[in-house]
Amino acid sequence: MEEFVGYCASCGKEVYCKDGFLDGIVTEDKQLYCFTCGEDK
């Protein structure tokens, strides 16, 4: 199962929740990032 969550705050890539796991990260200030952009956060 795949559900759209939002867009990466840095590059604009679509971020999904796949089988109950977020395919990205959310920072303390509630910004959503894909894994690629989130590595620097």
C-alpha atoms as a PDB file:
ATOM      1  CA  MET A   1       0.000   0.000   0.000  1.00  0.00           C
ATOM      2  CA  GLU A   2       1.288   3.451  -0.899  1.00  0.00           C
ATOM      3  CA  GLU A   3      -0.190   6.752   0.280  1.00  0.00           C
ATOM      4  CA  PHE A   4       0.895  10.237  -0.799  1.00  0.00           C
ATOM      5  CA  VAL A   5       2.050  12.346   2.186  1.00  0.00           C
ATOM      6  CA  GLY A   6       3.387  15.565   0.656  1.00  0.00           C
ATOM      7  CA  TYR A   7       6.268  17.174  -1.192  1.00  0.00           C
ATOM      8  CA  CYS A   8       9.909  17.501  -0.140  1.00  0.00           C
ATOM      9  CA  ALA A   9      10.493  21.013   1.240  1.00  0.00           C
ATOM     10  CA  SER A  10      13.852  21.163  -0.569  1.00  0.00           C
ATOM     11  CA  CYS A  11      13.530  19.564  -4.027  1.00  0.00           C
ATOM     12  CA  GLY A  12       9.754  19.196  -4.394  1.00  0.00           C
ATOM     13  CA  LYS A  13       9.829  15.404  -4.904  1.00  0.00           C
ATOM     14  CA  GLU A  14       6.664  13.528  -3.920  1.00  0.00           C
ATOM     15  CA  VAL A  15       7.000  11.714  -0.566  1.00  0.00           C
ATOM     16  CA  TYR A  16       4.897   8.637   0.195  1.00  0.00           C
ATOM     17  CA  CYS A  17       4.075   6.393   3.125  1.00  0.00           C
ATOM     18  CA  LYS A  18       4.779   2.829   1.974  1.00  0.00           C
ATOM     19  CA  ASP A  19       3.347  -0.094   3.939  1.00  0.00           C
ATOM     20  CA  GLY A  20       3.142   2.049   7.096  1.00  0.00           C
ATOM     21  CA  PHE A  21       6.647   3.528   6.815  1.00  0.00           C
ATOM     22  CA  LEU A  22       7.365   7.122   5.815  1.00  0.00           C
ATOM     23  CA  ASP A  23       9.614   7.258   2.755  1.00  0.00           C
ATOM     24  CA  GLY A  24      11.375  10.400   4.012  1.00  0.00           C
ATOM     25  CA  ILE A  25      11.912  12.369   7.218  1.00  0.00           C
ATOM     26  CA  VAL A  26      10.103  15.059   9.196  1.00  0.00           C
ATOM     27  CA  THR A  27      12.307  17.576  11.036  1.00  0.00           C
ATOM     28  CA  GLU A  28      11.618  19.073  14.468  1.00  0.00           C
ATOM     29  CA  ASP A  29      10.124  22.156  12.798  1.00  0.00           C
ATOM     30  CA  LYS A  30       7.704  19.832  10.943  1.00  0.00           C
ATOM     31  CA  GLN A  31       9.284  20.137   7.485  1.00  0.00           C
ATOM     32  CA  LEU A  32       8.990  17.085   5.207  1.00  0.00           C
ATOM     33  CA  TYR A  33      12.062  15.953   3.217  1.00  0.00           C
ATOM     34  CA  CYS A  34      12.825  13.007   0.933  1.00  0.00           C
ATOM     35  CA  PHE A  35      15.648  10.753   2.146  1.00  0.00           C
ATOM     36  CA  THR A  36      18.137  12.294  -0.304  1.00  0.00           C
ATOM     37  CA  CYS A  37      17.574  15.861   0.906  1.00  0.00           C
ATOM     38  CA  GLY A  38      17.005  14.791   4.518  1.00  0.00           C
ATOM     39  CA  GLU A  39      20.522  13.375   4.908  1.00  0.00           C
ATOM     40  CA  ASP A  40      21.818  16.926   5.443  1.00  0.00           C
ATOM     41  CA  LYS A  41      19.194  17.862   8.055  1.00  0.00           C
END
